[in-house]
Amino acid sequence: MSASEKATPTILEVPVAQFRQAMRELTGAVSIVTVGNAEDRTGFVATSVSSFSAEPPRLILCINRNSSSWQALARYGRFGLNFMRETDAAIADRFAGFGNIKGGERYMGAEWITLTSGTQVLKDALVSIDCTVEETLDRHDHAIVLGKVESIRVCDKGKPLLWFQSRYHHLGEPLATSGS
């Protein structure tokens, strides 16, 4: 058989349930993304947020394009990213839509401030980052959003809220390493 006649290997797709189970083992920081203004505001919980570039400052997040938050993000072109504290699980639940809470109702029960850009951020978040959408890339049912960092507000008192095995967690004691 010649090289051109060799059979192409079959690539099998991983079952969705198996992929979801595997991703439950990946620990992620819980962030709330805030979008919109006044009565037209919404937001969502994101664990798929990461630094993209330090020079220039950019971050990346992923959002389901079927969500109402995606529609608002596309309309406004701005968003706030809030790194949640270990004490903020109830706020995260609202922004995750538990209890069928939607839109502006997600902001109830917490204190918010409005930045110069008009973006609302959680007053006591560990860190709040004000971003404009620099670029989006549609892939499958999600959009990959590249955010240009416009300003950063740091409160840095407390520990982060984490998501692991479909539950909230918090940090324990730091591990001793050979460098400490």
Protein backbone atom coordinates (compact mmCIF):
# COMPACT_ATOMS: atom_id res chain seq x y z
CA MET A 1 0.00 0.00 0.00
CA SER A 2 1.42 3.40 -0.94
CA ALA A 3 1.56 6.37 1.43
CA SER A 4 -1.39 7.97 -0.36
CA GLU A 5 -3.45 4.78 0.03
CA LYS A 6 -2.94 4.48 3.81
CA ALA A 7 -6.13 4.65 5.76
CA THR A 8 -6.82 7.82 7.69
CA PRO A 9 -7.26 7.01 11.39
CA THR A 10 -10.73 7.49 12.79
CA ILE A 11 -10.88 10.14 15.48
CA LEU A 12 -13.65 9.46 17.95
CA GLU A 13 -15.30 12.31 19.80
CA VAL A 14 -15.12 12.14 23.57
CA PRO A 15 -18.58 11.68 25.14
CA VAL A 16 -19.92 14.93 26.67
CA ALA A 17 -20.59 13.28 30.04
CA GLN A 18 -16.99 12.03 30.22
CA PHE A 19 -15.65 15.50 29.34
CA ARG A 20 -17.84 17.17 31.98
CA GLN A 21 -16.71 14.66 34.60
CA ALA A 22 -13.06 15.37 33.76
CA MET A 23 -13.57 19.15 33.94
CA ARG A 24 -15.03 18.80 37.47
CA GLU A 25 -11.50 17.92 38.57
CA LEU A 26 -10.13 21.25 37.34
CA THR A 27 -10.22 23.84 40.11
CA GLY A 28 -11.19 27.33 38.97
CA ALA A 29 -11.50 30.71 40.61
CA VAL A 30 -15.07 31.98 40.63
CA SER A 31 -15.53 35.31 38.87
CA ILE A 32 -18.65 37.32 38.17
CA VAL A 33 -18.83 39.15 34.87
CA THR A 34 -21.08 42.22 34.98
CA VAL A 35 -22.59 43.68 31.82
CA GLY A 36 -24.95 46.53 31.01
CA ASN A 37 -26.32 49.62 32.73
CA ALA A 38 -29.28 50.60 34.93
CA GLU A 39 -32.32 48.43 34.17
CA ASP A 40 -30.54 46.72 31.27
CA ARG A 41 -27.92 44.93 33.32
CA THR A 42 -27.11 41.30 33.72
CA GLY A 43 -24.11 39.11 34.30
CA PHE A 44 -22.87 35.60 34.72
CA VAL A 45 -20.44 33.40 36.64
CA ALA A 46 -17.26 32.51 34.79
CA THR A 47 -14.59 30.02 35.77
CA SER A 48 -13.04 30.11 32.31
CA VAL A 49 -11.18 33.40 32.76
CA SER A 50 -7.47 33.84 32.29
CA SER A 51 -4.72 36.36 31.79
CA PHE A 52 -3.94 36.54 28.09
CA SER A 53 -1.18 39.13 27.90
CA ALA A 54 0.60 41.44 30.34
CA GLU A 55 2.04 43.72 27.63
CA PRO A 56 -0.46 45.01 26.71
CA PRO A 57 -2.84 43.99 29.56
CA ARG A 58 -5.48 41.66 28.14
CA LEU A 59 -7.61 38.86 29.50
CA ILE A 60 -9.68 36.14 27.96
CA LEU A 61 -13.03 34.67 28.95
CA CYS A 62 -15.53 32.30 27.41
CA ILE A 63 -19.31 32.71 27.33
CA ASN A 64 -22.16 30.61 25.97
CA ARG A 65 -23.61 32.43 22.96
CA ASN A 66 -27.12 31.24 23.86
CA SER A 67 -27.10 33.24 27.11
CA SER A 68 -28.81 36.59 27.55
CA SER A 69 -25.53 37.88 29.00
CA TRP A 70 -23.84 37.26 25.63
CA GLN A 71 -26.46 39.43 23.93
CA ALA A 72 -25.83 42.24 26.44
CA LEU A 73 -22.06 41.89 26.11
CA ALA A 74 -22.31 42.12 22.33
CA ARG A 75 -24.52 45.24 22.66
CA TYR A 76 -22.42 47.12 25.24
CA GLY A 77 -18.89 46.02 24.33
CA ARG A 78 -17.80 46.47 27.97
CA PHE A 79 -17.73 44.27 31.04
CA GLY A 80 -16.56 44.13 34.62
CA LEU A 81 -14.71 41.11 35.92
CA ASN A 82 -14.99 40.51 39.68
CA PHE A 83 -12.81 37.96 41.49
CA MET A 84 -15.08 36.61 44.23
CA ARG A 85 -14.22 36.13 47.91
CA GLU A 86 -14.78 32.86 49.73
CA THR A 87 -17.75 34.52 51.50
CA ASP A 88 -19.54 35.37 48.22
CA ALA A 89 -21.10 32.01 47.33
CA ALA A 90 -24.66 33.40 47.59
CA ILE A 91 -23.84 36.19 45.12
CA ALA A 92 -22.21 33.68 42.77
CA ASP A 93 -25.33 31.48 42.98
CA ARG A 94 -27.51 34.39 41.85
CA PHE A 95 -25.23 35.16 38.91
CA ALA A 96 -25.18 31.46 38.01
CA GLY A 97 -28.96 31.71 37.70
CA PHE A 98 -29.83 29.34 40.55
CA GLY A 99 -33.44 29.91 41.54
CA ASN A 100 -34.13 31.16 38.00
CA ILE A 101 -32.80 34.62 38.93
CA LYS A 102 -32.18 36.74 35.83
CA GLY A 103 -30.96 40.14 34.72
CA GLY A 104 -30.88 42.95 37.25
CA GLU A 105 -32.26 40.71 40.02
CA ARG A 106 -28.81 39.11 40.18
CA TYR A 107 -27.44 42.35 41.66
CA MET A 108 -29.77 42.28 44.69
CA GLY A 109 -28.27 41.73 48.13
CA ALA A 110 -24.79 43.05 47.35
CA GLU A 111 -23.15 46.46 47.22
CA TRP A 112 -22.07 47.66 43.77
CA ILE A 113 -20.15 50.70 42.59
CA THR A 114 -20.19 52.26 39.16
CA LEU A 115 -16.86 52.98 37.51
CA THR A 116 -16.20 55.99 35.29
CA SER A 117 -16.88 53.79 32.25
CA GLY A 118 -20.37 52.98 33.55
CA THR A 119 -19.47 49.39 34.36
CA GLN A 120 -20.76 48.15 37.71
CA VAL A 121 -18.46 46.10 39.91
CA LEU A 122 -18.84 44.45 43.28
CA LYS A 123 -17.60 46.85 45.95
CA ASP A 124 -15.87 44.14 47.99
CA ALA A 125 -14.53 41.87 45.24
CA LEU A 126 -10.92 40.77 45.72
CA VAL A 127 -10.20 42.46 42.40
CA SER A 128 -12.45 44.18 39.86
CA ILE A 129 -11.26 44.73 36.31
CA ASP A 130 -12.95 47.09 33.86
CA CYS A 131 -12.66 45.89 30.26
CA THR A 132 -13.70 46.72 26.75
CA VAL A 133 -14.20 43.95 24.24
CA GLU A 134 -11.25 43.99 21.86
CA GLU A 135 -12.17 40.91 19.85
CA THR A 136 -14.47 37.90 19.91
CA LEU A 137 -14.07 34.51 18.29
CA ASP A 138 -17.09 32.23 17.84
CA ARG A 139 -16.39 28.54 18.37
CA HIS A 140 -19.10 25.92 18.72
CA ASP A 141 -21.68 27.20 21.25
CA HIS A 142 -19.31 29.69 22.94
CA ALA A 143 -17.61 32.98 22.21
CA ILE A 144 -14.02 33.54 23.24
CA VAL A 145 -13.76 37.16 24.36
CA LEU A 146 -10.49 39.08 24.41
CA GLY A 147 -10.83 41.96 26.87
CA LYS A 148 -8.72 45.10 26.87
CA VAL A 149 -8.04 46.02 30.51
CA GLU A 150 -9.01 49.65 31.09
CA SER A 151 -8.66 49.84 34.88
CA ILE A 152 -8.15 47.63 37.93
CA ARG A 153 -9.52 48.01 41.44
CA VAL A 154 -7.83 45.87 44.13
CA CYS A 155 -9.32 45.17 47.58
CA ASP A 156 -7.10 42.09 48.23
CA LYS A 157 -8.40 41.27 51.71
CA GLY A 158 -9.68 37.74 51.95
CA LYS A 159 -9.35 34.50 50.06
CA PRO A 160 -10.81 33.55 46.68
CA LEU A 161 -13.94 31.51 46.12
CA LEU A 162 -13.06 28.35 44.18
CA TRP A 163 -15.09 25.84 42.17
CA PHE A 164 -14.10 22.16 42.32
CA GLN A 165 -16.11 18.96 41.82
CA SER A 166 -19.32 20.97 41.27
CA ARG A 167 -19.05 22.71 44.67
CA TYR A 168 -17.61 25.88 46.15
CA HIS A 169 -14.34 25.63 48.07
CA HIS A 170 -11.86 27.98 49.68
CA LEU A 171 -8.12 27.93 50.14
CA GLY A 172 -6.57 26.20 53.10
CA GLU A 173 -3.12 26.85 54.46
CA PRO A 174 -0.27 27.44 52.00
CA LEU A 175 1.98 24.46 51.36
CA ALA A 176 5.61 24.67 52.39
CA THR A 177 7.84 24.47 49.34
CA SER A 178 11.56 24.18 48.91
CA GLY A 179 11.61 27.89 48.00
CA SER A 180 9.92 29.07 51.22
